[in-house]
Amino acid sequence: KGERAVRRTSAAQFTELRTLLGDPALDDVSDFTKNMQAAD
């Protein structure tokens, strides 16, 4: 809503987020998945 904030991760949180990004399974995720029948 136009409000910006900056926060710092701990070393463990930063590693965890980078590990999630490095998961090889993300390579197999489709670029677009959407349920066209669902609303909201």
Full PDB file with SEQRES, HELIX, SHEET, SSBOND, CRYST1, ORIGX, SCALE, CONECT and MASTER records, all heavy atoms in Angstrom:
SEQRES   1 A   40  LYS GLY GLU ARG ALA VAL ARG ARG THR SER ALA ALA GLN          
SEQRES   2 A   40  PHE THR GLU LEU ARG THR LEU LEU GLY ASP PRO ALA LEU          
SEQRES   3 A   40  ASP ASP VAL SER ASP PHE THR LYS ASN MET GLN ALA ALA          
SEQRES   4 A   40  ASP                                                          
HELIX    1 AA1 ALA A   11  LEU A   21  1                                  11    
HELIX    2 AA2 PRO A   24  ASP A   28  5                                   5    
CRYST1    1.000    1.000    1.000  90.00  90.00  90.00 P 1           1          
ORIGX1      1.000000  0.000000  0.000000        0.00000                         
ORIGX2      0.000000  1.000000  0.000000        0.00000                         
ORIGX3      0.000000  0.000000  1.000000        0.00000                         
SCALE1      1.000000  0.000000  0.000000        0.00000                         
SCALE2      0.000000  1.000000  0.000000        0.00000                         
SCALE3      0.000000  0.000000  1.000000        0.00000                         
ATOM      1  N   LYS A   1       0.822  -1.213   0.000  1.00  0.00           N  
ATOM      2  CA  LYS A   1       0.000   0.000   0.000  1.00  0.00           C  
ATOM      3  C   LYS A   1       0.856   1.264   0.000  1.00  0.00           C  
ATOM      4  O   LYS A   1       0.580   2.221   0.721  1.00  0.00           O  
ATOM      5  CB  LYS A   1      -0.950  -0.001   1.194  1.00  0.00           C  
ATOM      6  CG  LYS A   1      -1.909  -1.168   1.192  1.00  0.00           C  
ATOM      7  CD  LYS A   1      -2.729  -1.190   2.454  1.00  0.00           C  
ATOM      8  CE  LYS A   1      -3.528  -2.477   2.508  1.00  0.00           C  
ATOM      9  NZ  LYS A   1      -3.965  -2.813   3.840  1.00  0.00           N  
ATOM     10  N   GLY A   2       1.942   1.253  -0.762  1.00  0.00           N  
ATOM     11  CA  GLY A   2       2.813   2.410  -0.858  1.00  0.00           C  
ATOM     12  C   GLY A   2       3.821   2.544   0.273  1.00  0.00           C  
ATOM     13  O   GLY A   2       4.728   3.358   0.208  1.00  0.00           O  
ATOM     14  N   GLU A   3       3.651   1.775   1.329  1.00  0.00           N  
ATOM     15  CA  GLU A   3       4.583   1.799   2.458  1.00  0.00           C  
ATOM     16  C   GLU A   3       5.756   0.872   2.158  1.00  0.00           C  
ATOM     17  O   GLU A   3       5.553  -0.285   1.813  1.00  0.00           O  
ATOM     18  CB  GLU A   3       3.888   1.352   3.744  1.00  0.00           C  
ATOM     19  CG  GLU A   3       2.750   2.242   4.173  1.00  0.00           C  
ATOM     20  CD  GLU A   3       3.228   3.611   4.640  1.00  0.00           C  
ATOM     21  OE1 GLU A   3       4.288   3.681   5.304  1.00  0.00           O  
ATOM     22  OE2 GLU A   3       2.544   4.598   4.335  1.00  0.00           O  
ATOM     23  N   ARG A   4       6.947   1.388   2.342  1.00  0.00           N  
ATOM     24  CA  ARG A   4       8.157   0.590   2.102  1.00  0.00           C  
ATOM     25  C   ARG A   4       8.876   0.336   3.413  1.00  0.00           C  
ATOM     26  O   ARG A   4       8.868   1.182   4.306  1.00  0.00           O  
ATOM     27  CB  ARG A   4       9.078   1.321   1.138  1.00  0.00           C  
ATOM     28  CG  ARG A   4       8.466   1.490  -0.223  1.00  0.00           C  
ATOM     29  CD  ARG A   4       9.357   2.336  -1.112  1.00  0.00           C  
ATOM     30  NE  ARG A   4       8.679   2.597  -2.355  1.00  0.00           N  
ATOM     31  CZ  ARG A   4       9.084   2.148  -3.528  1.00  0.00           C  
ATOM     32  NH1 ARG A   4      10.187   1.442  -3.612  1.00  0.00           N  
ATOM     33  NH2 ARG A   4       8.403   2.416  -4.616  1.00  0.00           N  
ATOM     34  N   ALA A   5       9.500  -0.824   3.498  1.00  0.00           N  
ATOM     35  CA  ALA A   5      10.288  -1.165   4.679  1.00  0.00           C  
ATOM     36  C   ALA A   5      11.486  -1.993   4.236  1.00  0.00           C  
ATOM     37  O   ALA A   5      11.450  -2.671   3.206  1.00  0.00           O  
ATOM     38  CB  ALA A   5       9.455  -1.954   5.687  1.00  0.00           C  
ATOM     39  N   VAL A   6      12.546  -1.910   5.003  1.00  0.00           N  
ATOM     40  CA  VAL A   6      13.741  -2.706   4.766  1.00  0.00           C  
ATOM     41  C   VAL A   6      14.069  -3.423   6.064  1.00  0.00           C  
ATOM     42  O   VAL A   6      14.116  -2.798   7.127  1.00  0.00           O  
ATOM     43  CB  VAL A   6      14.939  -1.826   4.330  1.00  0.00           C  
ATOM     44  CG1 VAL A   6      16.185  -2.671   4.133  1.00  0.00           C  
ATOM     45  CG2 VAL A   6      14.599  -1.043   3.064  1.00  0.00           C  
ATOM     46  N   ARG A   7      14.277  -4.732   5.967  1.00  0.00           N  
ATOM     47  CA  ARG A   7      14.650  -5.522   7.142  1.00  0.00           C  
ATOM     48  C   ARG A   7      15.868  -6.360   6.784  1.00  0.00           C  
ATOM     49  O   ARG A   7      16.129  -6.633   5.621  1.00  0.00           O  
ATOM     50  CB  ARG A   7      13.494  -6.437   7.562  1.00  0.00           C  
ATOM     51  CG  ARG A   7      12.263  -5.637   7.954  1.00  0.00           C  
ATOM     52  CD  ARG A   7      11.158  -6.496   8.493  1.00  0.00           C  
ATOM     53  NE  ARG A   7      10.508  -7.221   7.417  1.00  0.00           N  
ATOM     54  CZ  ARG A   7       9.638  -8.192   7.599  1.00  0.00           C  
ATOM     55  NH1 ARG A   7       9.336  -8.584   8.807  1.00  0.00           N  
ATOM     56  NH2 ARG A   7       9.069  -8.784   6.589  1.00  0.00           N  
ATOM     57  N   ARG A   8      16.604  -6.749   7.792  1.00  0.00           N  
ATOM     58  CA  ARG A   8      17.807  -7.549   7.586  1.00  0.00           C  
ATOM     59  C   ARG A   8      17.549  -8.975   8.060  1.00  0.00           C  
ATOM     60  O   ARG A   8      16.996  -9.187   9.124  1.00  0.00           O  
ATOM     61  CB  ARG A   8      18.983  -6.951   8.359  1.00  0.00           C  
ATOM     62  CG  ARG A   8      20.260  -7.739   8.152  1.00  0.00           C  
ATOM     63  CD  ARG A   8      21.501  -6.966   8.471  1.00  0.00           C  
ATOM     64  NE  ARG A   8      21.667  -5.739   7.704  1.00  0.00           N  
ATOM     65  CZ  ARG A   8      22.089  -5.681   6.444  1.00  0.00           C  
ATOM     66  NH1 ARG A   8      22.340  -6.771   5.779  1.00  0.00           N  
ATOM     67  NH2 ARG A   8      22.241  -4.520   5.848  1.00  0.00           N  
ATOM     68  N   THR A   9      17.971  -9.933   7.249  1.00  0.00           N  
ATOM     69  CA  THR A   9      17.868 -11.335   7.634  1.00  0.00           C  
ATOM     70  C   THR A   9      19.025 -11.685   8.559  1.00  0.00           C  
ATOM     71  O   THR A   9      20.071 -11.030   8.540  1.00  0.00           O  
ATOM     72  CB  THR A   9      17.950 -12.266   6.411  1.00  0.00           C  
ATOM     73  OG1 THR A   9      19.229 -12.103   5.792  1.00  0.00           O  
ATOM     74  CG2 THR A   9      16.847 -11.988   5.409  1.00  0.00           C  
ATOM     75  N   SER A  10      18.844 -12.733   9.340  1.00  0.00           N  
ATOM     76  CA  SER A  10      19.976 -13.287  10.079  1.00  0.00           C  
ATOM     77  C   SER A  10      20.774 -14.132   9.078  1.00  0.00           C  
ATOM     78  O   SER A  10      20.297 -14.423   7.973  1.00  0.00           O  
ATOM     79  CB  SER A  10      19.483 -14.164  11.229  1.00  0.00           C  
ATOM     80  OG  SER A  10      18.871 -15.343  10.720  1.00  0.00           O  
ATOM     81  N   ALA A  11      21.967 -14.540   9.455  1.00  0.00           N  
ATOM     82  CA  ALA A  11      22.778 -15.375   8.569  1.00  0.00           C  
ATOM     83  C   ALA A  11      22.048 -16.673   8.236  1.00  0.00           C  
ATOM     84  O   ALA A  11      22.047 -17.128   7.083  1.00  0.00           O  
ATOM     85  CB  ALA A  11      24.131 -15.672   9.216  1.00  0.00           C  
ATOM     86  N   ALA A  12      21.393 -17.273   9.230  1.00  0.00           N  
ATOM     87  CA  ALA A  12      20.674 -18.533   9.009  1.00  0.00           C  
ATOM     88  C   ALA A  12      19.475 -18.329   8.071  1.00  0.00           C  
ATOM     89  O   ALA A  12      19.229 -19.149   7.180  1.00  0.00           O  
ATOM     90  CB  ALA A  12      20.207 -19.118  10.342  1.00  0.00           C  
ATOM     91  N   GLN A  13      18.740 -17.235   8.247  1.00  0.00           N  
ATOM     92  CA  GLN A  13      17.592 -16.952   7.380  1.00  0.00           C  
ATOM     93  C   GLN A  13      18.042 -16.701   5.947  1.00  0.00           C  
ATOM     94  O   GLN A  13      17.417 -17.176   4.994  1.00  0.00           O  
ATOM     95  CB  GLN A  13      16.830 -15.732   7.892  1.00  0.00           C  
ATOM     96  CG  GLN A  13      16.112 -15.969   9.189  1.00  0.00           C  
ATOM     97  CD  GLN A  13      15.661 -14.665   9.828  1.00  0.00           C  
ATOM     98  OE1 GLN A  13      16.286 -13.620   9.648  1.00  0.00           O  
ATOM     99  NE2 GLN A  13      14.578 -14.738  10.584  1.00  0.00           N  
ATOM    100  N   PHE A  14      19.151 -15.966   5.800  1.00  0.00           N  
ATOM    101  CA  PHE A  14      19.668 -15.670   4.470  1.00  0.00           C  
ATOM    102  C   PHE A  14      20.085 -16.954   3.761  1.00  0.00           C  
ATOM    103  O   PHE A  14      19.760 -17.171   2.593  1.00  0.00           O  
ATOM    104  CB  PHE A  14      20.837 -14.687   4.593  1.00  0.00           C  
ATOM    105  CG  PHE A  14      21.321 -14.116   3.292  1.00  0.00           C  
ATOM    106  CD1 PHE A  14      20.429 -13.569   2.379  1.00  0.00           C  
ATOM    107  CD2 PHE A  14      22.668 -14.087   2.996  1.00  0.00           C  
ATOM    108  CE1 PHE A  14      20.876 -13.023   1.184  1.00  0.00           C  
ATOM    109  CE2 PHE A  14      23.128 -13.543   1.807  1.00  0.00           C  
ATOM    110  CZ  PHE A  14      22.230 -13.013   0.901  1.00  0.00           C  
ATOM    111  N   THR A  15      20.751 -17.829   4.481  1.00  0.00           N  
ATOM    112  CA  THR A  15      21.162 -19.115   3.901  1.00  0.00           C  
ATOM    113  C   THR A  15      19.946 -19.953   3.535  1.00  0.00           C  
ATOM    114  O   THR A  15      19.908 -20.566   2.464  1.00  0.00           O  
ATOM    115  CB  THR A  15      22.075 -19.891   4.879  1.00  0.00           C  
ATOM    116  OG1 THR A  15      23.240 -19.094   5.118  1.00  0.00           O  
ATOM    117  CG2 THR A  15      22.474 -21.236   4.324  1.00  0.00           C  
ATOM    118  N   GLU A  16      18.946 -19.984   4.402  1.00  0.00           N  
ATOM    119  CA  GLU A  16      17.724 -20.749   4.130  1.00  0.00           C  
ATOM    120  C   GLU A  16      17.027 -20.249   2.865  1.00  0.00           C  
ATOM    121  O   GLU A  16      16.639 -21.037   2.006  1.00  0.00           O  
ATOM    122  CB  GLU A  16      16.768 -20.676   5.319  1.00  0.00           C  
ATOM    123  CG  GLU A  16      15.419 -21.321   5.088  1.00  0.00           C  
ATOM    124  CD  GLU A  16      15.447 -22.829   5.011  1.00  0.00           C  
ATOM    125  OE1 GLU A  16      16.469 -23.443   5.383  1.00  0.00           O  
ATOM    126  OE2 GLU A  16      14.441 -23.421   4.582  1.00  0.00           O  
ATOM    127  N   LEU A  17      16.872 -18.936   2.724  1.00  0.00           N  
ATOM    128  CA  LEU A  17      16.225 -18.379   1.533  1.00  0.00           C  
ATOM    129  C   LEU A  17      17.043 -18.684   0.278  1.00  0.00           C  
ATOM    130  O   LEU A  17      16.486 -19.063  -0.761  1.00  0.00           O  
ATOM    131  CB  LEU A  17      16.024 -16.875   1.694  1.00  0.00           C  
ATOM    132  CG  LEU A  17      14.952 -16.462   2.701  1.00  0.00           C  
ATOM    133  CD1 LEU A  17      15.051 -14.968   3.014  1.00  0.00           C  
ATOM    134  CD2 LEU A  17      13.564 -16.816   2.205  1.00  0.00           C  
ATOM    135  N   ARG A  18      18.349 -18.559   0.370  1.00  0.00           N  
ATOM    136  CA  ARG A  18      19.207 -18.871  -0.790  1.00  0.00           C  
ATOM    137  C   ARG A  18      19.175 -20.352  -1.124  1.00  0.00           C  
ATOM    138  O   ARG A  18      19.254 -20.728  -2.297  1.00  0.00           O  
ATOM    139  CB  ARG A  18      20.635 -18.399  -0.516  1.00  0.00           C  
ATOM    140  CG  ARG A  18      20.727 -16.880  -0.504  1.00  0.00           C  
ATOM    141  CD  ARG A  18      22.111 -16.322  -0.170  1.00  0.00           C  
ATOM    142  NE  ARG A  18      23.188 -17.091  -0.695  1.00  0.00           N  
ATOM    143  CZ  ARG A  18      24.177 -17.629   0.046  1.00  0.00           C  
ATOM    144  NH1 ARG A  18      24.207 -17.431   1.359  1.00  0.00           N  
ATOM    145  NH2 ARG A  18      25.136 -18.318  -0.515  1.00  0.00           N  
ATOM    146  N   THR A  19      19.027 -21.206  -0.116  1.00  0.00           N  
ATOM    147  CA  THR A  19      18.928 -22.647  -0.352  1.00  0.00           C  
ATOM    148  C   THR A  19      17.602 -22.978  -1.039  1.00  0.00           C  
ATOM    149  O   THR A  19      17.560 -23.808  -1.952  1.00  0.00           O  
ATOM    150  CB  THR A  19      19.075 -23.430   0.960  1.00  0.00           C  
ATOM    151  OG1 THR A  19      20.360 -23.117   1.525  1.00  0.00           O  
ATOM    152  CG2 THR A  19      18.983 -24.933   0.745  1.00  0.00           C  
ATOM    153  N   LEU A  20      16.524 -22.337  -0.619  1.00  0.00           N  
ATOM    154  CA  LEU A  20      15.244 -22.542  -1.291  1.00  0.00           C  
ATOM    155  C   LEU A  20      15.338 -22.118  -2.759  1.00  0.00           C  
ATOM    156  O   LEU A  20      14.798 -22.779  -3.646  1.00  0.00           O  
ATOM    157  CB  LEU A  20      14.136 -21.757  -0.589  1.00  0.00           C  
ATOM    158  CG  LEU A  20      13.726 -22.267   0.788  1.00  0.00           C  
ATOM    159  CD1 LEU A  20      12.813 -21.267   1.483  1.00  0.00           C  
ATOM    160  CD2 LEU A  20      13.071 -23.634   0.693  1.00  0.00           C  
ATOM    161  N   LEU A  21      16.038 -21.025  -3.029  1.00  0.00           N  
ATOM    162  CA  LEU A  21      16.233 -20.564  -4.405  1.00  0.00           C  
ATOM    163  C   LEU A  21      17.110 -21.518  -5.214  1.00  0.00           C  
ATOM    164  O   LEU A  21      16.989 -21.588  -6.433  1.00  0.00           O  
ATOM    165  CB  LEU A  21      16.878 -19.176  -4.412  1.00  0.00           C  
ATOM    166  CG  LEU A  21      15.953 -18.019  -4.106  1.00  0.00           C  
ATOM    167  CD1 LEU A  21      16.758 -16.754  -3.834  1.00  0.00           C  
ATOM    168  CD2 LEU A  21      14.985 -17.808  -5.252  1.00  0.00           C  
ATOM    169  N   GLY A  22      17.996 -22.237  -4.522  1.00  0.00           N  
ATOM    170  CA  GLY A  22      18.908 -23.156  -5.199  1.00  0.00           C  
ATOM    171  C   GLY A  22      18.353 -24.561  -5.365  1.00  0.00           C  
ATOM    172  O   GLY A  22      19.063 -25.451  -5.840  1.00  0.00           O  
ATOM    173  N   ASP A  23      17.104 -24.783  -4.988  1.00  0.00           N  
ATOM    174  CA  ASP A  23      16.508 -26.111  -5.102  1.00  0.00           C  
ATOM    175  C   ASP A  23      16.394 -26.495  -6.580  1.00  0.00           C  
ATOM    176  O   ASP A  23      15.719 -25.813  -7.350  1.00  0.00           O  
ATOM    177  CB  ASP A  23      15.124 -26.125  -4.441  1.00  0.00           C  
ATOM    178  CG  ASP A  23      14.554 -27.521  -4.293  1.00  0.00           C  
ATOM    179  OD1 ASP A  23      14.921 -28.427  -5.079  1.00  0.00           O  
ATOM    180  OD2 ASP A  23      13.730 -27.714  -3.387  1.00  0.00           O  
ATOM    181  N   PRO A  24      17.039 -27.593  -6.994  1.00  0.00           N  
ATOM    182  CA  PRO A  24      16.973 -28.015  -8.396  1.00  0.00           C  
ATOM    183  C   PRO A  24      15.544 -28.285  -8.874  1.00  0.00           C  
ATOM    184  O   PRO A  24      15.273 -28.209 -10.069  1.00  0.00           O  
ATOM    185  CB  PRO A  24      17.804 -29.298  -8.441  1.00  0.00           C  
ATOM    186  CG  PRO A  24      18.586 -29.331  -7.188  1.00  0.00           C  
ATOM    187  CD  PRO A  24      17.880 -28.474  -6.190  1.00  0.00           C  
ATOM    188  N   ALA A  25      14.623 -28.581  -7.970  1.00  0.00           N  
ATOM    189  CA  ALA A  25      13.239 -28.847  -8.355  1.00  0.00           C  
ATOM    190  C   ALA A  25      12.576 -27.602  -8.957  1.00  0.00           C  
ATOM    191  O   ALA A  25      11.604 -27.725  -9.710  1.00  0.00           O  
ATOM    192  CB  ALA A  25      12.441 -29.347  -7.150  1.00  0.00           C  
ATOM    193  N   LEU A  26      13.081 -26.407  -8.652  1.00  0.00           N  
ATOM    194  CA  LEU A  26      12.522 -25.194  -9.241  1.00  0.00           C  
ATOM    195  C   LEU A  26      12.723 -25.159 -10.756  1.00  0.00           C  
ATOM    196  O   LEU A  26      11.954 -24.517 -11.469  1.00  0.00           O  
ATOM    197  CB  LEU A  26      13.137 -23.947  -8.605  1.00  0.00           C  
ATOM    198  CG  LEU A  26      12.688 -23.620  -7.192  1.00  0.00           C  
ATOM    199  CD1 LEU A  26      13.482 -22.434  -6.642  1.00  0.00           C  
ATOM    200  CD2 LEU A  26      11.197 -23.342  -7.124  1.00  0.00           C  
ATOM    201  N   ASP A  27      13.756 -25.866 -11.237  1.00  0.00           N  
ATOM    202  CA  ASP A  27      14.006 -25.907 -12.678  1.00  0.00           C  
ATOM    203  C   ASP A  27      12.847 -26.553 -13.430  1.00  0.00           C  
ATOM    204  O   ASP A  27      12.627 -26.262 -14.605  1.00  0.00           O  
ATOM    205  CB  ASP A  27      15.292 -26.667 -12.987  1.00  0.00           C  
ATOM    206  CG  ASP A  27      16.524 -25.970 -12.445  1.00  0.00           C  
ATOM    207  OD1 ASP A  27      16.459 -24.748 -12.162  1.00  0.00           O  
ATOM    208  OD2 ASP A  27      17.554 -26.644 -12.294  1.00  0.00           O  
ATOM    209  N   ASP A  28      12.109 -27.439 -12.756  1.00  0.00           N  
ATOM    210  CA  ASP A  28      11.015 -28.168 -13.396  1.00  0.00           C  
ATOM    211  C   ASP A  28       9.662 -27.479 -13.249  1.00  0.00           C  
ATOM    212  O   ASP A  28       8.656 -27.947 -13.785  1.00  0.00           O  
ATOM    213  CB  ASP A  28      10.918 -29.586 -12.814  1.00  0.00           C  
ATOM    214  CG  ASP A  28      12.175 -30.391 -13.086  1.00  0.00           C  
ATOM    215  OD1 ASP A  28      12.829 -30.162 -14.129  1.00  0.00           O  
ATOM    216  OD2 ASP A  28      12.517 -31.251 -12.244  1.00  0.00           O  
ATOM    217  N   VAL A  29       9.618 -26.362 -12.514  1.00  0.00           N  
ATOM    218  CA  VAL A  29       8.363 -25.642 -12.296  1.00  0.00           C  
ATOM    219  C   VAL A  29       8.003 -24.875 -13.569  1.00  0.00           C  
ATOM    220  O   VAL A  29       8.842 -24.197 -14.154  1.00  0.00           O  
ATOM    221  CB  VAL A  29       8.503 -24.669 -11.100  1.00  0.00           C  
ATOM    222  CG1 VAL A  29       7.301 -23.748 -10.995  1.00  0.00           C  
ATOM    223  CG2 VAL A  29       8.696 -25.445  -9.817  1.00  0.00           C  
ATOM    224  N   SER A  30       6.746 -25.001 -13.958  1.00  0.00           N  
ATOM    225  CA  SER A  30       6.253 -24.284 -15.127  1.00  0.00           C  
ATOM    226  C   SER A  30       6.289 -22.778 -14.864  1.00  0.00           C  
ATOM    227  O   SER A  30       6.106 -22.328 -13.736  1.00  0.00           O  
ATOM    228  CB  SER A  30       4.818 -24.721 -15.419  1.00  0.00           C  
ATOM    229  OG  SER A  30       4.275 -23.946 -16.460  1.00  0.00           O  
ATOM    230  N   ASP A  31       6.506 -21.997 -15.922  1.00  0.00           N  
ATOM    231  CA  ASP A  31       6.531 -20.542 -15.779  1.00  0.00           C  
ATOM    232  C   ASP A  31       5.140 -19.965 -15.523  1.00  0.00           C  
ATOM    233  O   ASP A  31       5.018 -18.825 -15.084  1.00  0.00           O  
ATOM    234  CB  ASP A  31       7.117 -19.888 -17.032  1.00  0.00           C  
ATOM    235  CG  ASP A  31       8.616 -20.098 -17.138  1.00  0.00           C  
ATOM    236  OD1 ASP A  31       9.253 -20.458 -16.136  1.00  0.00           O  
ATOM    237  OD2 ASP A  31       9.152 -19.900 -18.250  1.00  0.00           O  
ATOM    238  N   PHE A  32       4.091 -20.745 -15.805  1.00  0.00           N  
ATOM    239  CA  PHE A  32       2.728 -20.248 -15.619  1.00  0.00           C  
ATOM    240  C   PHE A  32       1.820 -21.384 -15.167  1.00  0.00           C  
ATOM    241  O   PHE A  32       1.636 -22.357 -15.900  1.00  0.00           O  
ATOM    242  CB  PHE A  32       2.206 -19.650 -16.934  1.00  0.00           C  
ATOM    243  CG  PHE A  32       0.850 -19.020 -16.808  1.00  0.00           C  
ATOM    244  CD1 PHE A  32       0.703 -17.740 -16.305  1.00  0.00           C  
ATOM    245  CD2 PHE A  32      -0.287 -19.707 -17.204  1.00  0.00           C  
ATOM    246  CE1 PHE A  32      -0.547 -17.148 -16.194  1.00  0.00           C  
ATOM    247  CE2 PHE A  32      -1.545 -19.124 -17.095  1.00  0.00           C  
ATOM    248  CZ  PHE A  32      -1.672 -17.844 -16.593  1.00  0.00           C  
ATOM    249  N   THR A  33       1.312 -21.271 -13.960  1.00  0.00           N  
ATOM    250  CA  THR A  33       0.309 -22.225 -13.480  1.00  0.00           C  
ATOM    251  C   THR A  33      -0.803 -21.419 -12.834  1.00  0.00           C  
ATOM    252  O   THR A  33      -0.575 -20.649 -11.904  1.00  0.00           O  
ATOM    253  CB  THR A  33       0.876 -23.221 -12.445  1.00  0.00           C  
ATOM    254  OG1 THR A  33       1.425 -22.505 -11.344  1.00  0.00           O  
ATOM    255  CG2 THR A  33       1.938 -24.114 -13.054  1.00  0.00           C  
ATOM    256  N   LYS A  34      -1.996 -21.583 -13.387  1.00  0.00           N  
ATOM    257  CA  LYS A  34      -3.125 -20.820 -12.884  1.00  0.00           C  
ATOM    258  C   LYS A  34      -4.395 -21.632 -13.082  1.00  0.00           C  
ATOM    259  O   LYS A  34      -4.600 -22.215 -14.140  1.00  0.00           O  
ATOM    260  CB  LYS A  34      -3.218 -19.494 -13.639  1.00  0.00           C  
ATOM    261  CG  LYS A  34      -4.213 -18.543 -13.075  1.00  0.00           C  
ATOM    262  CD  LYS A  34      -4.093 -17.188 -13.771  1.00  0.00           C  
ATOM    263  CE  LYS A  34      -5.102 -16.232 -13.196  1.00  0.00           C  
ATOM    264  NZ  LYS A  34      -5.044 -14.933 -13.831  1.00  0.00           N  
ATOM    265  N   ASN A  35      -5.233 -21.658 -12.070  1.00  0.00           N  
ATOM    266  CA  ASN A  35      -6.520 -22.308 -12.147  1.00  0.00           C  
ATOM    267  C   ASN A  35      -7.501 -21.293 -12.728  1.00  0.00           C  
ATOM    268  O   ASN A  35      -7.946 -20.382 -12.028  1.00  0.00           O  
ATOM    269  CB  ASN A  35      -6.974 -22.777 -10.764  1.00  0.00           C  
ATOM    270  CG  ASN A  35      -8.309 -23.471 -10.802  1.00  0.00           C  
ATOM    271  OD1 ASN A  35      -9.042 -23.408 -11.786  1.00  0.00           O  
ATOM    272  ND2 ASN A  35      -8.636 -24.150  -9.722  1.00  0.00           N  
ATOM    273  N   MET A  36      -7.827 -21.447 -13.982  1.00  0.00           N  
ATOM    274  CA  MET A  36      -8.685 -20.482 -14.673  1.00  0.00           C  
ATOM    275  C   MET A  36     -10.133 -20.543 -14.186  1.00  0.00           C  
ATOM    276  O   MET A  36     -10.906 -19.632 -14.452  1.00  0.00           O  
ATOM    277  CB  MET A  36      -8.630 -20.717 -16.182  1.00  0.00           C  
ATOM    278  CG  MET A  36      -7.210 -20.615 -16.742  1.00  0.00           C  
ATOM    279  SD  MET A  36      -6.369 -19.102 -16.291  1.00  0.00           S  
ATOM    280  CE  MET A  36      -6.778 -18.095 -17.674  1.00  0.00           C  
ATOM    281  N   GLN A  37     -10.503 -21.591 -13.458  1.00  0.00           N  
ATOM    282  CA  GLN A  37     -11.865 -21.737 -12.949  1.00  0.00           C  
ATOM    283  C   GLN A  37     -12.045 -21.078 -11.581  1.00  0.00           C  
ATOM    284  O   GLN A  37     -13.156 -20.910 -11.117  1.00  0.00           O  
ATOM    285  CB  GLN A  37     -12.232 -23.224 -12.855  1.00  0.00           C  
ATOM    286  CG  GLN A  37     -12.062 -23.986 -14.146  1.00  0.00           C  
ATOM    287  CD  GLN A  37     -12.891 -23.398 -15.281  1.00  0.00           C  
ATOM    288  OE1 GLN A  37     -14.049 -23.061 -15.097  1.00  0.00           O  
ATOM    289  NE2 GLN A  37     -12.281 -23.254 -16.446  1.00  0.00           N  
ATOM    290  N   ALA A  38     -10.959 -20.772 -10.907  1.00  0.00           N  
ATOM    291  CA  ALA A  38     -11.038 -20.226  -9.550  1.00  0.00           C  
ATOM    292  C   ALA A  38     -11.061 -18.699  -9.588  1.00  0.00           C  
ATOM    293  O   ALA A  38     -10.439 -18.071 -10.439  1.00  0.00           O  
ATOM    294  CB  ALA A  38      -9.859 -20.702  -8.716  1.00  0.00           C  
ATOM    295  N   ALA A  39     -11.767 -18.140  -8.624  1.00  0.00           N  
ATOM    296  CA  ALA A  39     -11.832 -16.683  -8.500  1.00  0.00           C  
ATOM    297  C   ALA A  39     -11.210 -16.274  -7.173  1.00  0.00           C  
ATOM    298  O   ALA A  39     -11.209 -17.032  -6.210  1.00  0.00           O  
ATOM    299  CB  ALA A  39     -13.283 -16.227  -8.552  1.00  0.00           C  
ATOM    300  N   ASP A  40     -10.674 -15.084  -7.140  1.00  0.00           N  
ATOM    301  CA  ASP A  40     -10.170 -14.475  -5.912  1.00  0.00           C  
ATOM    302  C   ASP A  40      -8.977 -15.180  -5.284  1.00  0.00           C  
ATOM    303  O   ASP A  40      -8.743 -15.050  -4.087  1.00  0.00           O  
ATOM    304  CB  ASP A  40     -11.287 -14.329  -4.864  1.00  0.00           C  
ATOM    305  CG  ASP A  40     -12.380 -13.383  -5.332  1.00  0.00           C  
ATOM    306  OD1 ASP A  40     -12.062 -12.474  -6.122  1.00  0.00           O  
ATOM    307  OD2 ASP A  40     -13.530 -13.563  -4.923  1.00  0.00           O  
TER     308      ASP A  40                                                      
MASTER        0    0    0    2    0    0    0    6  307    1    0    4          
END                                                                             
